[in-house]
Structures are given as structure tokens and as C-alpha cells.
N, C-alpha and C. Protein backbone atom coordinates (compact mmCIF):
# COMPACT_ATOMS: atom_id res chain seq x y z
N MET A 1 98.04 117.19 67.19
CA MET A 1 98.71 116.75 66.00
C MET A 1 98.65 117.81 64.91
N ARG A 2 97.60 118.59 64.94
CA ARG A 2 97.47 119.60 63.89
C ARG A 2 98.68 120.52 63.89
N SER A 3 99.02 121.10 65.04
CA SER A 3 100.15 122.04 65.05
C SER A 3 101.49 121.31 64.99
N ALA A 4 101.58 120.15 65.63
CA ALA A 4 102.86 119.43 65.67
C ALA A 4 103.22 118.80 64.33
N ILE A 5 102.25 118.44 63.54
CA ILE A 5 102.53 117.77 62.28
C ILE A 5 102.05 118.58 61.09
N VAL A 6 100.75 118.74 60.98
CA VAL A 6 100.18 119.35 59.78
C VAL A 6 100.73 120.76 59.56
N GLU A 7 100.63 121.60 60.57
CA GLU A 7 101.10 122.98 60.41
C GLU A 7 102.63 123.05 60.38
N ALA A 8 103.30 122.23 61.18
CA ALA A 8 104.77 122.25 61.23
C ALA A 8 105.39 121.89 59.88
N TYR A 9 104.75 121.01 59.16
CA TYR A 9 105.24 120.61 57.85
C TYR A 9 104.65 121.45 56.71
N GLY A 10 103.83 122.42 57.07
CA GLY A 10 103.24 123.29 56.07
C GLY A 10 102.25 122.57 55.16
N LEU A 11 101.58 121.58 55.71
CA LEU A 11 100.63 120.78 54.93
C LEU A 11 99.20 121.23 55.17
N SER A 12 98.39 121.12 54.17
CA SER A 12 96.96 121.27 54.37
C SER A 12 96.45 119.93 54.91
N VAL A 13 95.25 119.91 55.43
CA VAL A 13 94.67 118.66 55.90
C VAL A 13 94.54 117.67 54.74
N THR A 14 94.19 118.18 53.58
CA THR A 14 94.08 117.32 52.39
C THR A 14 95.42 116.69 52.05
N ASP A 15 96.49 117.51 52.03
CA ASP A 15 97.82 117.00 51.71
C ASP A 15 98.32 116.02 52.78
N ALA A 16 98.08 116.33 54.04
CA ALA A 16 98.49 115.43 55.12
C ALA A 16 97.75 114.10 55.00
N GLY A 17 96.48 114.15 54.64
CA GLY A 17 95.71 112.93 54.42
C GLY A 17 96.32 112.07 53.33
N LYS A 18 96.76 112.73 52.26
CA LYS A 18 97.41 112.00 51.16
C LYS A 18 98.71 111.34 51.63
N VAL A 19 99.50 112.08 52.41
CA VAL A 19 100.75 111.54 52.94
C VAL A 19 100.47 110.32 53.81
N LEU A 20 99.41 110.39 54.62
CA LEU A 20 99.07 109.31 55.54
C LEU A 20 98.28 108.18 54.89
N GLY A 21 97.79 108.43 53.70
CA GLY A 21 97.00 107.41 53.01
C GLY A 21 95.58 107.28 53.54
N VAL A 22 95.04 108.41 54.04
CA VAL A 22 93.65 108.44 54.52
C VAL A 22 92.93 109.60 53.85
N SER A 23 91.63 109.57 53.89
CA SER A 23 90.85 110.66 53.28
C SER A 23 90.92 111.92 54.14
N ARG A 24 90.66 113.04 53.51
CA ARG A 24 90.61 114.30 54.25
C ARG A 24 89.60 114.25 55.38
N PRO A 25 88.36 113.75 55.14
CA PRO A 25 87.39 113.69 56.23
C PRO A 25 87.87 112.82 57.40
N THR A 26 88.54 111.72 57.10
CA THR A 26 89.04 110.85 58.18
C THR A 26 90.06 111.59 59.03
N LEU A 27 91.01 112.25 58.38
CA LEU A 27 92.03 112.99 59.13
C LEU A 27 91.41 114.17 59.86
N SER A 28 90.51 114.86 59.23
CA SER A 28 89.85 116.01 59.85
C SER A 28 89.08 115.59 61.10
N THR A 29 88.40 114.47 61.03
CA THR A 29 87.66 113.96 62.19
C THR A 29 88.61 113.73 63.36
N PHE A 30 89.77 113.15 63.08
CA PHE A 30 90.77 112.92 64.13
C PHE A 30 91.33 114.24 64.65
N LEU A 31 91.76 115.11 63.75
CA LEU A 31 92.38 116.37 64.16
C LEU A 31 91.44 117.26 64.95
N ASN A 32 90.15 117.15 64.69
CA ASN A 32 89.16 117.96 65.41
C ASN A 32 88.62 117.29 66.66
N GLY A 33 89.26 116.17 67.07
CA GLY A 33 88.91 115.52 68.32
C GLY A 33 87.62 114.74 68.31
N ARG A 34 87.12 114.40 67.13
CA ARG A 34 85.88 113.64 67.06
C ARG A 34 86.14 112.13 66.97
N SER A 35 87.41 111.74 66.89
CA SER A 35 87.77 110.33 66.96
C SER A 35 89.11 110.22 67.67
N ASN A 36 89.32 109.08 68.31
CA ASN A 36 90.56 108.84 69.02
C ASN A 36 91.63 108.31 68.07
N LEU A 37 92.85 108.37 68.53
CA LEU A 37 93.97 107.84 67.76
C LEU A 37 93.91 106.31 67.80
N SER A 38 93.79 105.72 66.65
CA SER A 38 93.79 104.25 66.56
C SER A 38 95.23 103.78 66.37
N GLY A 39 95.45 102.50 66.57
CA GLY A 39 96.76 101.93 66.32
C GLY A 39 97.17 102.12 64.87
N ASP A 40 96.21 101.95 63.98
CA ASP A 40 96.48 102.11 62.55
C ASP A 40 96.92 103.53 62.22
N MET A 41 96.22 104.51 62.78
CA MET A 41 96.57 105.90 62.51
C MET A 41 97.91 106.24 63.15
N ALA A 42 98.19 105.73 64.35
CA ALA A 42 99.48 105.97 64.99
C ALA A 42 100.61 105.41 64.14
N LEU A 43 100.40 104.24 63.56
CA LEU A 43 101.41 103.63 62.68
C LEU A 43 101.63 104.49 61.44
N ARG A 44 100.55 105.03 60.90
CA ARG A 44 100.67 105.91 59.73
C ARG A 44 101.50 107.16 60.07
N PHE A 45 101.23 107.78 61.24
CA PHE A 45 102.02 108.94 61.66
C PHE A 45 103.47 108.55 61.88
N ALA A 46 103.71 107.38 62.45
CA ALA A 46 105.08 106.91 62.69
C ALA A 46 105.83 106.74 61.38
N LYS A 47 105.20 106.09 60.42
CA LYS A 47 105.85 105.84 59.14
C LYS A 47 106.07 107.13 58.35
N ALA A 48 105.09 108.00 58.35
CA ALA A 48 105.16 109.21 57.52
C ALA A 48 106.05 110.29 58.11
N PHE A 49 106.06 110.41 59.44
CA PHE A 49 106.74 111.54 60.06
C PHE A 49 107.84 111.15 61.05
N GLY A 50 108.13 109.86 61.15
CA GLY A 50 109.23 109.42 62.01
C GLY A 50 108.93 109.50 63.50
N LEU A 51 107.66 109.50 63.85
CA LEU A 51 107.28 109.52 65.26
C LEU A 51 107.28 108.10 65.82
N GLU A 52 107.34 107.98 67.13
CA GLU A 52 107.27 106.67 67.77
C GLU A 52 105.81 106.30 68.00
N MET A 53 105.39 105.22 67.38
CA MET A 53 104.01 104.75 67.53
C MET A 53 103.66 104.53 69.00
N GLU A 54 104.58 103.93 69.73
CA GLU A 54 104.33 103.62 71.14
C GLU A 54 104.10 104.90 71.95
N THR A 55 104.85 105.94 71.65
CA THR A 55 104.68 107.21 72.35
C THR A 55 103.31 107.80 72.04
N LEU A 56 102.92 107.76 70.78
CA LEU A 56 101.61 108.28 70.40
C LEU A 56 100.49 107.51 71.10
N MET A 57 100.62 106.19 71.17
CA MET A 57 99.58 105.39 71.81
C MET A 57 99.55 105.61 73.32
N ARG A 58 100.72 105.83 73.94
CA ARG A 58 100.74 106.14 75.38
C ARG A 58 100.06 107.48 75.63
N MET A 59 100.29 108.45 74.74
CA MET A 59 99.64 109.75 74.88
C MET A 59 98.12 109.59 74.77
N GLN A 60 97.66 108.77 73.81
CA GLN A 60 96.23 108.54 73.66
C GLN A 60 95.66 107.86 74.90
N ASN A 61 96.39 106.87 75.42
CA ASN A 61 95.93 106.15 76.61
C ASN A 61 95.84 107.09 77.81
N SER A 62 96.82 107.95 77.99
CA SER A 62 96.79 108.92 79.10
C SER A 62 95.60 109.87 78.96
N TYR A 63 95.33 110.29 77.74
CA TYR A 63 94.18 111.16 77.49
C TYR A 63 92.88 110.42 77.82
N ASP A 64 92.76 109.17 77.38
CA ASP A 64 91.56 108.38 77.65
C ASP A 64 91.34 108.20 79.14
N ILE A 65 92.41 107.93 79.88
CA ILE A 65 92.31 107.78 81.34
C ILE A 65 91.83 109.07 81.98
N ALA A 66 92.40 110.19 81.57
CA ALA A 66 92.01 111.49 82.12
C ALA A 66 90.54 111.79 81.84
N GLN A 67 90.08 111.46 80.64
CA GLN A 67 88.68 111.69 80.28
C GLN A 67 87.75 110.81 81.11
N ALA A 68 88.12 109.57 81.33
CA ALA A 68 87.31 108.66 82.14
C ALA A 68 87.24 109.16 83.58
N LYS A 69 88.36 109.59 84.13
CA LYS A 69 88.37 110.10 85.50
C LYS A 69 87.52 111.35 85.63
N ARG A 70 87.49 112.15 84.58
CA ARG A 70 86.66 113.35 84.58
C ARG A 70 85.18 113.00 84.68
N ARG A 71 84.82 111.84 84.12
CA ARG A 71 83.42 111.40 84.14
C ARG A 71 83.12 110.42 85.28
N GLU A 72 84.06 110.24 86.19
CA GLU A 72 83.95 109.22 87.23
C GLU A 72 82.65 109.28 88.01
N LYS A 73 82.21 110.45 88.38
CA LYS A 73 80.99 110.58 89.18
C LYS A 73 79.74 110.17 88.42
N LEU A 74 79.81 110.18 87.11
CA LEU A 74 78.66 109.80 86.28
C LEU A 74 78.56 108.28 86.08
N ILE A 75 79.64 107.58 86.39
CA ILE A 75 79.68 106.14 86.18
C ILE A 75 79.31 105.45 87.49
N LYS A 76 78.12 104.90 87.53
CA LYS A 76 77.60 104.30 88.76
C LYS A 76 77.77 102.79 88.71
N VAL A 77 78.74 102.30 89.44
CA VAL A 77 78.99 100.86 89.52
C VAL A 77 79.28 100.54 90.97
N ALA A 78 78.58 99.54 91.50
CA ALA A 78 78.80 99.12 92.89
C ALA A 78 79.97 98.15 92.95
N ARG A 79 80.72 98.21 94.04
CA ARG A 79 81.85 97.28 94.24
C ARG A 79 81.32 95.87 94.38
N ASN A 80 81.90 94.96 93.64
CA ASN A 80 81.51 93.55 93.70
C ASN A 80 82.15 92.92 94.94
N ARG A 81 81.34 92.23 95.71
CA ARG A 81 81.84 91.54 96.91
C ARG A 81 81.65 90.05 96.69
N PRO A 82 82.72 89.26 96.82
CA PRO A 82 82.58 87.82 96.63
C PRO A 82 81.68 87.21 97.70
N ALA A 83 80.96 86.16 97.31
CA ALA A 83 80.10 85.48 98.27
C ALA A 83 80.97 84.76 99.30
N ALA A 84 80.50 84.75 100.55
CA ALA A 84 81.27 84.12 101.62
C ALA A 84 81.26 82.61 101.53
């Protein structure tokens, strides 16, 4: 989002935060990958920059799935078998 929105519009993180109605630290946390895209933030990007909220959320979901699959071997869960 940093290059697609903030840099493309020539905004600083502070200015983009003002456009989105969030604080600079909140936007910075998201842009630096320390928080995921929430529905609320996706809606803010949609309203402010004309993006499709659904597309943004699908992108976040695809990213989340990829990250979970990357950690698959670390997640130890046995297959549940119904009682006979």
C-alpha cells in the first residue's frame, strides 16, 4: 500500500493518515507489516482512494492463507476421527 497509495499520491505517512482519518502510528504500523488490513481500514482506503474494499480484503485473505501454509509444519493438530 505504501507505493500504491502513499507514494503514488505524493503523500507522507502523516498526510495519508489524515486523509484516512487514522493516526500516523496506526497507518505506519499497517504499512510496515506489523498489523493486518482490517475491514475498517479497507473501507477507509476504499472511500479515500476509490479502491474496492472487497478486493483489498481478498488480497489480505490470500496473504493470511499463504502465511498460515508457510507455518503449516509448526502447527501440530491431529486429525479428529468420529467415534464408531
